[in-house]
């Protein structure tokens, strides 16, 4: 039997992360660039909407059509050029602006970007109905998706301009206490 995942933030009140809201407002005012917004969003909880999708109906005893079966679906935005985007929201208020009947699911930016990559979407649109819409696409989308999926080496090989850095133990140092080494000579006493 599948289990229901635990929420990322159990006592979540649905409000937007303060640093994400501040970065988006500064971006809208022209005092911050996209890098600052991406940095703020990278540590924030986002809400991904799910909506009920009617897949079957029937005519009831009073002659009215009624729902028989429905399932929950992840809605996607389709641009004029045909590209698709996954939607995410900084809080419940921006989600309600877009669609009041959508149900929020907590997710991290890497999780949302991985879902977008799996859905073959070209972007993630944050707060599509405002207050400040923001798009994550291209190499940034690929980088976040790779972080979530653990495919950083494939990302470094496939996306120009991406460098992957790793920290590793020096050979023979595993478990040994680290000593400080300074790059300048010591002065003697006296």
N, C-alpha and C. Protein backbone atom coordinates (compact mmCIF):
# COMPACT_ATOMS: atom_id res chain seq x y z
N UNK A 1 0.84 -1.17 0.00
CA UNK A 1 0.00 0.00 0.00
C UNK A 1 0.90 1.24 0.00
N UNK A 2 0.68 2.19 -0.92
CA UNK A 2 1.50 3.40 -0.93
C UNK A 2 1.24 4.26 0.30
N UNK A 3 2.30 4.92 0.74
CA UNK A 3 2.15 5.77 1.91
C UNK A 3 2.04 7.22 1.48
N UNK A 4 1.39 8.00 2.31
CA UNK A 4 1.27 9.43 2.06
C UNK A 4 2.54 10.08 2.58
N UNK A 5 3.24 10.86 1.72
CA UNK A 5 4.48 11.47 2.19
C UNK A 5 4.23 12.50 3.28
N UNK A 6 5.19 12.60 4.17
CA UNK A 6 5.11 13.59 5.23
C UNK A 6 5.36 14.98 4.63
N UNK A 7 4.69 16.01 5.12
CA UNK A 7 4.93 17.36 4.59
C UNK A 7 6.35 17.82 4.91
N UNK A 8 6.90 18.65 4.03
CA UNK A 8 8.23 19.22 4.26
C UNK A 8 8.24 20.10 5.50
N UNK A 9 7.18 20.88 5.67
CA UNK A 9 7.04 21.80 6.80
C UNK A 9 5.71 21.46 7.48
N UNK A 10 5.74 20.63 8.53
CA UNK A 10 4.49 20.19 9.15
C UNK A 10 3.59 21.30 9.65
N UNK A 11 4.15 22.39 10.16
CA UNK A 11 3.32 23.48 10.71
C UNK A 11 3.20 24.64 9.72
N UNK A 12 3.26 24.34 8.43
CA UNK A 12 3.20 25.35 7.37
C UNK A 12 1.89 26.12 7.43
N UNK A 13 1.99 27.46 7.44
CA UNK A 13 0.78 28.28 7.45
C UNK A 13 0.37 28.72 6.04
N UNK A 14 1.13 28.30 5.03
CA UNK A 14 0.79 28.63 3.65
C UNK A 14 1.36 29.94 3.16
N UNK A 15 2.04 30.68 4.04
CA UNK A 15 2.62 31.95 3.64
C UNK A 15 3.88 31.75 2.81
N UNK A 16 4.21 32.77 2.05
CA UNK A 16 5.42 32.73 1.23
C UNK A 16 6.65 32.87 2.12
N UNK A 17 7.73 32.21 1.74
CA UNK A 17 9.01 32.35 2.41
C UNK A 17 9.43 33.82 2.34
N UNK A 18 9.83 34.40 3.45
CA UNK A 18 10.15 35.83 3.50
C UNK A 18 11.26 36.22 2.55
N UNK A 19 12.32 35.41 2.47
CA UNK A 19 13.43 35.78 1.59
C UNK A 19 13.03 35.65 0.12
N UNK A 20 12.21 34.66 -0.20
CA UNK A 20 11.73 34.52 -1.59
C UNK A 20 10.82 35.68 -1.97
N UNK A 21 9.91 36.05 -1.08
CA UNK A 21 9.00 37.18 -1.36
C UNK A 21 9.79 38.48 -1.51
N UNK A 22 10.79 38.67 -0.67
CA UNK A 22 11.62 39.87 -0.74
C UNK A 22 12.41 39.92 -2.05
N UNK A 23 12.99 38.79 -2.44
CA UNK A 23 13.76 38.74 -3.69
C UNK A 23 12.87 38.97 -4.90
N UNK A 24 11.67 38.40 -4.90
CA UNK A 24 10.74 38.61 -6.01
C UNK A 24 10.29 40.07 -6.09
N UNK A 25 10.04 40.69 -4.95
CA UNK A 25 9.65 42.11 -4.94
C UNK A 25 10.79 42.98 -5.46
N UNK A 26 12.02 42.68 -5.05
CA UNK A 26 13.18 43.44 -5.52
C UNK A 26 13.39 43.23 -7.02
N UNK A 27 13.15 42.01 -7.50
CA UNK A 27 13.25 41.71 -8.93
C UNK A 27 12.23 42.53 -9.71
N UNK A 28 11.01 42.59 -9.19
CA UNK A 28 9.94 43.37 -9.83
C UNK A 28 10.28 44.86 -9.86
N UNK A 29 10.94 45.35 -8.80
CA UNK A 29 11.31 46.76 -8.72
C UNK A 29 12.57 47.08 -9.50
N UNK A 30 13.25 46.04 -9.99
CA UNK A 30 14.47 46.26 -10.76
C UNK A 30 15.71 46.42 -9.92
N UNK A 31 15.63 46.10 -8.64
CA UNK A 31 16.79 46.25 -7.76
C UNK A 31 17.48 44.91 -7.48
N UNK A 32 17.00 43.83 -8.05
CA UNK A 32 17.64 42.52 -7.92
C UNK A 32 17.53 41.81 -9.25
N UNK A 33 18.50 40.96 -9.50
CA UNK A 33 18.51 40.20 -10.74
C UNK A 33 17.95 38.80 -10.54
N UNK A 34 17.87 38.05 -11.63
CA UNK A 34 17.34 36.69 -11.54
C UNK A 34 18.18 35.78 -10.64
N UNK A 35 19.48 36.03 -10.55
CA UNK A 35 20.33 35.21 -9.68
C UNK A 35 19.93 35.30 -8.22
N UNK A 36 19.57 36.49 -7.78
CA UNK A 36 19.13 36.67 -6.39
C UNK A 36 17.81 35.95 -6.15
N UNK A 37 16.93 35.97 -7.14
CA UNK A 37 15.64 35.28 -6.99
C UNK A 37 15.86 33.78 -6.93
N UNK A 38 16.70 33.25 -7.83
CA UNK A 38 16.98 31.82 -7.84
C UNK A 38 17.61 31.40 -6.51
N UNK A 39 18.54 32.20 -6.00
CA UNK A 39 19.17 31.87 -4.71
C UNK A 39 18.14 31.84 -3.59
N UNK A 40 17.23 32.80 -3.58
CA UNK A 40 16.20 32.84 -2.53
C UNK A 40 15.22 31.69 -2.67
N UNK A 41 14.82 31.39 -3.90
CA UNK A 41 13.88 30.29 -4.12
C UNK A 41 14.50 28.93 -3.81
N UNK A 42 15.80 28.80 -3.98
CA UNK A 42 16.44 27.49 -3.81
C UNK A 42 16.29 26.94 -2.40
N UNK A 43 16.11 27.81 -1.42
CA UNK A 43 15.92 27.34 -0.05
C UNK A 43 14.49 27.40 0.44
N UNK A 44 13.59 27.82 -0.43
CA UNK A 44 12.19 28.01 -0.03
C UNK A 44 11.33 26.79 -0.31
N UNK A 45 10.27 26.67 0.45
CA UNK A 45 9.24 25.67 0.17
C UNK A 45 8.32 26.27 -0.88
N UNK A 46 8.01 25.51 -1.92
CA UNK A 46 7.04 25.95 -2.91
C UNK A 46 5.80 25.07 -2.80
N UNK A 47 4.72 25.53 -3.39
CA UNK A 47 3.48 24.75 -3.44
C UNK A 47 3.19 24.42 -4.90
N UNK A 48 3.04 23.14 -5.17
CA UNK A 48 2.70 22.67 -6.51
C UNK A 48 1.20 22.37 -6.50
N UNK A 49 0.46 22.87 -7.48
CA UNK A 49 -0.98 22.64 -7.47
C UNK A 49 -1.36 21.28 -8.07
N UNK A 50 -2.36 20.67 -7.50
CA UNK A 50 -3.01 19.53 -8.12
C UNK A 50 -4.49 19.86 -8.20
N UNK A 51 -5.12 19.40 -9.28
CA UNK A 51 -6.54 19.68 -9.48
C UNK A 51 -7.26 18.38 -9.81
N UNK A 52 -8.55 18.35 -9.49
CA UNK A 52 -9.37 17.18 -9.81
C UNK A 52 -9.70 17.21 -11.29
N UNK A 53 -9.55 16.06 -11.93
CA UNK A 53 -9.83 15.91 -13.35
C UNK A 53 -10.93 14.86 -13.50
N UNK A 54 -12.06 15.26 -14.05
CA UNK A 54 -13.18 14.35 -14.23
C UNK A 54 -12.85 13.35 -15.33
N UNK A 55 -12.93 12.06 -15.02
CA UNK A 55 -12.66 11.04 -16.04
C UNK A 55 -13.89 10.18 -16.33
N UNK A 56 -14.93 10.36 -15.58
CA UNK A 56 -16.15 9.61 -15.84
C UNK A 56 -17.34 10.23 -15.13
N UNK A 57 -18.48 10.23 -15.79
CA UNK A 57 -19.69 10.75 -15.17
C UNK A 57 -20.86 9.85 -15.55
N UNK A 58 -21.98 10.07 -14.88
CA UNK A 58 -23.19 9.30 -15.15
C UNK A 58 -24.40 10.18 -14.91
N UNK A 59 -25.53 9.76 -15.39
CA UNK A 59 -26.78 10.48 -15.16
C UNK A 59 -27.42 9.88 -13.92
N UNK A 60 -27.68 10.74 -12.94
CA UNK A 60 -28.25 10.29 -11.68
C UNK A 60 -29.75 10.05 -11.77
N UNK A 61 -30.35 9.67 -10.66
CA UNK A 61 -31.77 9.32 -10.63
C UNK A 61 -32.68 10.52 -10.90
N UNK A 62 -32.16 11.74 -10.75
CA UNK A 62 -32.97 12.94 -11.02
C UNK A 62 -32.71 13.49 -12.42
N UNK A 63 -31.97 12.74 -13.24
CA UNK A 63 -31.71 13.16 -14.60
C UNK A 63 -30.56 14.14 -14.76
N UNK A 64 -29.82 14.36 -13.68
CA UNK A 64 -28.68 15.28 -13.75
C UNK A 64 -27.38 14.50 -13.88
N UNK A 65 -26.45 15.05 -14.67
CA UNK A 65 -25.14 14.42 -14.82
C UNK A 65 -24.35 14.65 -13.53
N UNK A 66 -23.71 13.60 -13.03
CA UNK A 66 -22.93 13.69 -11.81
C UNK A 66 -21.60 12.96 -11.97
N UNK A 67 -20.66 13.39 -11.17
CA UNK A 67 -19.32 12.80 -11.22
C UNK A 67 -19.37 11.35 -10.77
N UNK A 68 -18.67 10.52 -11.52
CA UNK A 68 -18.55 9.12 -11.14
C UNK A 68 -17.11 8.81 -10.74
N UNK A 69 -16.15 9.32 -11.53
CA UNK A 69 -14.75 9.09 -11.26
C UNK A 69 -13.94 10.34 -11.56
N UNK A 70 -12.95 10.58 -10.73
CA UNK A 70 -12.02 11.68 -11.00
C UNK A 70 -10.65 11.28 -10.46
N UNK A 71 -9.64 11.95 -10.96
CA UNK A 71 -8.30 11.73 -10.44
C UNK A 71 -7.61 13.07 -10.30
N UNK A 72 -6.57 13.10 -9.50
CA UNK A 72 -5.83 14.33 -9.29
C UNK A 72 -4.76 14.44 -10.36
N UNK A 73 -4.58 15.65 -10.90
CA UNK A 73 -3.63 15.88 -11.97
C UNK A 73 -2.77 17.10 -11.68
N UNK A 74 -1.55 17.07 -12.22
CA UNK A 74 -0.64 18.20 -12.15
C UNK A 74 -0.88 19.04 -13.41
N UNK A 75 -1.46 20.24 -13.24
CA UNK A 75 -1.74 21.06 -14.42
C UNK A 75 -0.45 21.65 -15.00
N UNK A 76 -0.45 21.86 -16.30
CA UNK A 76 0.68 22.50 -16.97
C UNK A 76 0.17 23.70 -17.76
N UNK A 77 1.03 24.67 -17.86
CA UNK A 77 0.75 25.87 -18.64
C UNK A 77 1.33 25.63 -20.03
N UNK A 78 0.57 26.01 -21.09
CA UNK A 78 1.07 25.88 -22.45
C UNK A 78 1.17 27.26 -23.05
N UNK A 79 2.38 27.63 -23.47
CA UNK A 79 2.62 28.94 -24.05
C UNK A 79 2.14 29.04 -25.48
N UNK A 80 2.14 30.25 -26.02
CA UNK A 80 1.72 30.47 -27.40
C UNK A 80 2.59 29.71 -28.39
N UNK A 81 3.85 29.47 -28.00
CA UNK A 81 4.77 28.74 -28.87
C UNK A 81 4.67 27.22 -28.69
N UNK A 82 3.76 26.76 -27.83
CA UNK A 82 3.56 25.32 -27.62
C UNK A 82 4.41 24.73 -26.51
N UNK A 83 5.35 25.49 -25.97
CA UNK A 83 6.16 24.96 -24.87
C UNK A 83 5.30 24.85 -23.62
N UNK A 84 5.59 23.84 -22.82
CA UNK A 84 4.84 23.60 -21.59
C UNK A 84 5.66 24.01 -20.37
N UNK A 85 4.96 24.38 -19.32
CA UNK A 85 5.61 24.74 -18.05
C UNK A 85 4.82 24.14 -16.90
N UNK A 86 5.54 23.75 -15.87
CA UNK A 86 4.95 23.29 -14.62
C UNK A 86 4.77 24.52 -13.74
N UNK A 87 3.68 24.56 -13.00
CA UNK A 87 3.38 25.69 -12.13
C UNK A 87 3.81 25.42 -10.70
N UNK A 88 4.28 26.46 -10.03
CA UNK A 88 4.60 26.39 -8.61
C UNK A 88 4.27 27.75 -8.00
N UNK A 89 4.02 27.76 -6.71
CA UNK A 89 3.60 28.99 -6.04
C UNK A 89 4.37 29.16 -4.74
N UNK A 90 4.62 30.41 -4.39
CA UNK A 90 5.35 30.69 -3.15
C UNK A 90 4.46 30.55 -1.92
N UNK A 91 3.15 30.61 -2.09
CA UNK A 91 2.24 30.49 -0.96
C UNK A 91 0.82 30.22 -1.42
N UNK A 92 -0.08 30.06 -0.46
CA UNK A 92 -1.47 29.75 -0.81
C UNK A 92 -2.19 30.93 -1.44
N UNK A 93 -1.82 32.15 -1.08
CA UNK A 93 -2.49 33.31 -1.68
C UNK A 93 -2.21 33.42 -3.18
N UNK A 94 -0.96 33.33 -3.63
CA UNK A 94 -0.72 33.32 -5.08
C UNK A 94 -1.39 32.12 -5.78
N UNK A 95 -1.47 30.99 -5.09
CA UNK A 95 -2.14 29.82 -5.66
C UNK A 95 -3.63 30.10 -5.85
N UNK A 96 -4.27 30.71 -4.85
CA UNK A 96 -5.70 31.05 -4.95
C UNK A 96 -5.96 32.07 -6.05
N UNK A 97 -5.02 33.00 -6.27
CA UNK A 97 -5.17 33.96 -7.36
C UNK A 97 -5.28 33.25 -8.70
N UNK A 98 -4.52 32.16 -8.85
CA UNK A 98 -4.53 31.42 -10.09
C UNK A 98 -5.77 30.54 -10.20
N UNK A 99 -6.00 29.73 -9.17
CA UNK A 99 -7.13 28.80 -9.23
C UNK A 99 -7.53 28.41 -7.80
N UNK A 100 -8.65 28.93 -7.35
CA UNK A 100 -9.06 28.69 -5.95
C UNK A 100 -9.31 27.23 -5.59
N UNK A 101 -9.64 26.39 -6.56
CA UNK A 101 -9.95 24.99 -6.24
C UNK A 101 -8.72 24.08 -6.26
N UNK A 102 -7.55 24.59 -6.58
CA UNK A 102 -6.34 23.77 -6.62
C UNK A 102 -5.89 23.41 -5.20
N UNK A 103 -5.36 22.23 -5.07
CA UNK A 103 -4.85 21.75 -3.78
C UNK A 103 -3.33 21.88 -3.77
N UNK A 104 -2.74 22.44 -2.70
CA UNK A 104 -1.29 22.61 -2.66
C UNK A 104 -0.55 21.37 -2.14
N UNK A 105 0.56 21.06 -2.80
CA UNK A 105 1.47 20.01 -2.35
C UNK A 105 2.83 20.67 -2.13
N UNK A 106 3.40 20.50 -0.95
CA UNK A 106 4.70 21.11 -0.65
C UNK A 106 5.80 20.43 -1.46
N UNK A 107 6.75 21.24 -1.96
CA UNK A 107 7.89 20.71 -2.71
C UNK A 107 9.05 21.69 -2.64
N UNK A 108 10.24 21.17 -2.88
CA UNK A 108 11.42 22.02 -2.98
C UNK A 108 11.61 22.40 -4.45
N UNK A 109 12.42 23.42 -4.71
CA UNK A 109 12.69 23.83 -6.10
C UNK A 109 13.30 22.67 -6.89
N UNK A 110 14.30 21.94 -6.36
CA UNK A 110 14.81 20.80 -7.14
C UNK A 110 13.73 19.76 -7.46
N UNK A 111 12.83 19.49 -6.52
CA UNK A 111 11.75 18.53 -6.78
C UNK A 111 10.84 19.02 -7.90
N UNK A 112 10.49 20.31 -7.87
CA UNK A 112 9.61 20.87 -8.91
C UNK A 112 10.32 20.83 -10.26
N UNK A 113 11.59 21.17 -10.28
CA UNK A 113 12.34 21.16 -11.54
C UNK A 113 12.50 19.75 -12.08
N UNK A 114 12.68 18.79 -11.20
CA UNK A 114 12.76 17.39 -11.67
C UNK A 114 11.42 16.94 -12.24
N UNK A 115 10.33 17.33 -11.60
CA UNK A 115 9.00 16.99 -12.14
C UNK A 115 8.82 17.62 -13.52
N UNK A 116 9.28 18.86 -13.68
CA UNK A 116 9.19 19.53 -14.98
C UNK A 116 10.00 18.77 -16.03
N UNK A 117 11.20 18.35 -15.67
CA UNK A 117 12.05 17.60 -16.60
C UNK A 117 11.40 16.27 -16.97
N UNK A 118 10.81 15.59 -16.00
CA UNK A 118 10.14 14.32 -16.27
C UNK A 118 8.92 14.51 -17.16
N UNK A 119 8.25 15.64 -17.03
CA UNK A 119 7.07 15.95 -17.85
C UNK A 119 7.46 16.54 -19.21
N UNK A 120 8.76 16.66 -19.44
CA UNK A 120 9.28 17.27 -20.69
C UNK A 120 8.84 18.72 -20.84
N UNK A 121 8.66 19.40 -19.71
CA UNK A 121 8.29 20.82 -19.72
C UNK A 121 9.55 21.66 -19.89
N UNK A 122 9.41 22.79 -20.53
CA UNK A 122 10.55 23.67 -20.79
C UNK A 122 10.84 24.61 -19.63
N UNK A 123 9.92 24.74 -18.68
CA UNK A 123 10.10 25.73 -17.63
C UNK A 123 9.25 25.39 -16.42
N UNK A 124 9.57 26.10 -15.33
CA UNK A 124 8.73 26.15 -14.13
C UNK A 124 8.35 27.62 -14.00
N UNK A 125 7.06 27.90 -13.90
CA UNK A 125 6.60 29.27 -13.70
C UNK A 125 6.13 29.39 -12.26
N UNK A 126 6.78 30.29 -11.53
CA UNK A 126 6.46 30.54 -10.13
C UNK A 126 5.50 31.72 -10.06
N UNK A 127 4.40 31.56 -9.34
CA UNK A 127 3.40 32.61 -9.12
C UNK A 127 2.89 33.21 -10.43
N UNK A 128 2.38 32.36 -11.30
CA UNK A 128 1.93 32.78 -12.63
C UNK A 128 0.91 33.91 -12.59
N UNK A 129 0.07 33.97 -11.56
CA UNK A 129 -0.95 35.02 -11.46
C UNK A 129 -0.51 36.17 -10.57
N UNK A 130 0.74 36.19 -10.17
CA UNK A 130 1.26 37.27 -9.35
C UNK A 130 1.36 36.89 -7.90
N UNK A 131 1.92 37.72 -7.10
CA UNK A 131 2.20 39.12 -7.35
C UNK A 131 3.37 39.37 -8.30
N UNK A 132 4.38 38.48 -8.34
CA UNK A 132 5.51 38.64 -9.26
C UNK A 132 5.79 37.30 -9.92
N UNK A 133 5.37 37.11 -11.16
CA UNK A 133 5.68 35.85 -11.85
C UNK A 133 7.18 35.75 -12.13
N UNK A 134 7.72 34.53 -12.06
CA UNK A 134 9.14 34.30 -12.31
C UNK A 134 9.28 32.95 -13.01
N UNK A 135 10.17 32.88 -14.00
CA UNK A 135 10.36 31.66 -14.79
C UNK A 135 11.73 31.06 -14.52
N UNK A 136 11.75 29.76 -14.26
CA UNK A 136 12.99 28.98 -14.14
C UNK A 136 13.05 28.11 -15.39
N UNK A 137 14.10 28.26 -16.19
CA UNK A 137 14.21 27.49 -17.43
C UNK A 137 15.67 27.28 -17.80
N UNK A 138 15.89 26.58 -18.89
CA UNK A 138 17.24 26.38 -19.42
C UNK A 138 18.16 25.66 -18.48
N UNK A 139 19.40 26.18 -18.40
CA UNK A 139 20.43 25.55 -17.57
C UNK A 139 20.10 25.54 -16.10
N UNK A 140 19.40 26.56 -15.63
CA UNK A 140 19.03 26.60 -14.20
C UNK A 140 18.03 25.48 -13.89
N UNK A 141 17.05 25.30 -14.76
CA UNK A 141 16.08 24.21 -14.60
C UNK A 141 16.81 22.87 -14.63
N UNK A 142 17.71 22.69 -15.59
CA UNK A 142 18.46 21.43 -15.70
C UNK A 142 19.32 21.19 -14.47
N UNK A 143 19.94 22.25 -13.94
CA UNK A 143 20.79 22.10 -12.76
C UNK A 143 19.98 21.67 -11.54
N UNK A 144 18.86 22.33 -11.30
CA UNK A 144 18.02 21.93 -10.15
C UNK A 144 17.49 20.51 -10.33
N UNK A 145 17.08 20.15 -11.53
CA UNK A 145 16.58 18.79 -11.79
C UNK A 145 17.68 17.76 -11.56
N UNK A 146 18.91 18.09 -11.95
CA UNK A 146 20.02 17.17 -11.76
C UNK A 146 20.38 17.00 -10.30
N UNK A 147 20.25 18.07 -9.52
CA UNK A 147 20.52 17.97 -8.09
C UNK A 147 19.54 16.98 -7.46
N UNK A 148 18.27 17.08 -7.84
CA UNK A 148 17.25 16.19 -7.28
C UNK A 148 17.43 14.75 -7.74
N UNK A 149 17.82 14.56 -9.00
CA UNK A 149 17.90 13.20 -9.54
C UNK A 149 19.25 12.54 -9.30
N UNK A 150 20.24 13.34 -8.88
CA UNK A 150 21.57 12.77 -8.64
C UNK A 150 22.37 12.57 -9.92
N UNK A 151 22.03 13.25 -10.99
CA UNK A 151 22.72 13.07 -12.28
C UNK A 151 23.60 14.27 -12.62
N UNK A 152 24.35 14.74 -11.64
CA UNK A 152 25.19 15.92 -11.84
C UNK A 152 26.25 15.71 -12.92
N UNK A 153 26.82 14.50 -13.03
CA UNK A 153 27.84 14.27 -14.06
C UNK A 153 27.25 14.40 -15.46
N UNK A 154 26.02 13.89 -15.65
CA UNK A 154 25.35 14.05 -16.95
C UNK A 154 25.08 15.51 -17.25
N UNK A 155 24.73 16.28 -16.23
CA UNK A 155 24.49 17.71 -16.41
C UNK A 155 25.77 18.41 -16.86
N UNK A 156 26.89 18.12 -16.21
CA UNK A 156 28.16 18.76 -16.55
C UNK A 156 28.56 18.43 -17.98
N UNK A 157 28.25 17.22 -18.43
CA UNK A 157 28.62 16.82 -19.79
C UNK A 157 27.67 17.39 -20.84
N UNK A 158 26.42 17.62 -20.46
CA UNK A 158 25.41 17.97 -21.46
C UNK A 158 24.99 19.42 -21.54
N UNK A 159 25.31 20.24 -20.54
CA UNK A 159 24.87 21.63 -20.55
C UNK A 159 26.09 22.54 -20.54
N UNK A 160 26.28 23.30 -21.62
CA UNK A 160 27.44 24.20 -21.66
C UNK A 160 27.39 25.23 -20.53
N UNK A 161 28.55 25.51 -19.97
CA UNK A 161 28.64 26.53 -18.93
C UNK A 161 28.40 26.02 -17.53
N UNK A 162 28.11 24.73 -17.36
CA UNK A 162 27.88 24.16 -16.03
C UNK A 162 29.15 23.48 -15.56
N UNK A 163 29.57 23.78 -14.37
CA UNK A 163 30.73 23.13 -13.76
C UNK A 163 30.25 22.47 -12.48
N UNK A 164 30.66 21.23 -12.28
CA UNK A 164 30.28 20.50 -11.07
C UNK A 164 31.52 20.37 -10.21
N UNK A 165 31.46 20.82 -8.98
CA UNK A 165 32.58 20.71 -8.04
C UNK A 165 32.20 19.71 -6.95
N UNK A 166 33.17 18.92 -6.55
CA UNK A 166 32.92 17.91 -5.51
C UNK A 166 34.00 18.04 -4.44
N UNK A 167 33.61 17.77 -3.22
CA UNK A 167 34.55 17.74 -2.11
C UNK A 167 34.83 16.27 -1.82
N UNK A 168 36.10 15.93 -1.66
CA UNK A 168 36.45 14.54 -1.38
C UNK A 168 37.57 14.49 -0.37
N UNK A 169 37.67 13.39 0.33
CA UNK A 169 38.78 13.18 1.26
C UNK A 169 40.07 12.96 0.47
N UNK A 170 41.17 13.45 0.97
CA UNK A 170 42.46 13.18 0.34
C UNK A 170 42.81 11.72 0.61
N UNK A 171 43.53 11.07 -0.31
CA UNK A 171 43.88 9.66 -0.09
C UNK A 171 44.62 9.48 1.24
N UNK A 172 44.22 8.49 1.98
CA UNK A 172 44.85 8.19 3.26
C UNK A 172 44.38 9.05 4.41
N UNK A 173 43.51 10.04 4.16
CA UNK A 173 43.05 10.92 5.23
C UNK A 173 41.72 10.49 5.84
N UNK A 174 41.11 9.45 5.30
CA UNK A 174 39.79 9.06 5.78
C UNK A 174 39.85 8.75 7.27
N UNK A 175 39.09 9.42 8.04
CA UNK A 175 39.00 9.18 9.47
C UNK A 175 40.08 9.88 10.29
N UNK A 176 41.12 10.39 9.64
CA UNK A 176 42.19 11.06 10.38
C UNK A 176 41.75 12.46 10.78
N UNK A 177 42.18 12.92 11.96
CA UNK A 177 41.81 14.29 12.34
C UNK A 177 42.50 15.28 11.40
N UNK A 178 41.82 16.35 11.09
CA UNK A 178 42.37 17.37 10.20
C UNK A 178 43.28 18.29 10.99
N UNK A 179 44.46 18.59 10.40
CA UNK A 179 45.39 19.53 10.99
C UNK A 179 45.36 20.81 10.19
N UNK A 180 45.51 21.90 10.88
CA UNK A 180 45.57 23.18 10.18
C UNK A 180 46.97 23.37 9.64
N UNK A 181 47.05 23.78 8.40
CA UNK A 181 48.34 24.09 7.80
C UNK A 181 48.24 25.49 7.25
N UNK A 182 49.18 26.30 7.63
CA UNK A 182 49.18 27.69 7.19
C UNK A 182 50.21 27.86 6.08
N UNK A 183 49.97 28.77 5.20
CA UNK A 183 50.86 28.98 4.06
C UNK A 183 51.94 30.01 4.28
N UNK A 184 52.16 30.42 5.52
CA UNK A 184 53.22 31.41 5.76
C UNK A 184 54.14 30.87 6.85
N UNK A 185 55.39 31.34 6.87
CA UNK A 185 56.34 30.82 7.86
C UNK A 185 55.98 31.28 9.27
N UNK A 186 56.30 30.45 10.22
CA UNK A 186 56.07 30.81 11.63
C UNK A 186 57.23 31.64 12.14
N UNK A 187 56.92 32.55 12.99
CA UNK A 187 57.98 33.36 13.61
C UNK A 187 58.37 32.71 14.94
N UNK A 188 59.62 32.71 15.16
CA UNK A 188 60.12 32.18 16.43
C UNK A 188 59.88 33.16 17.57
N UNK A 189 59.96 32.65 18.77
CA UNK A 189 59.79 33.52 19.93
C UNK A 189 61.13 34.19 20.24
N UNK A 190 61.08 35.39 20.65
CA UNK A 190 62.21 36.07 21.19
C UNK A 190 63.07 36.65 20.21
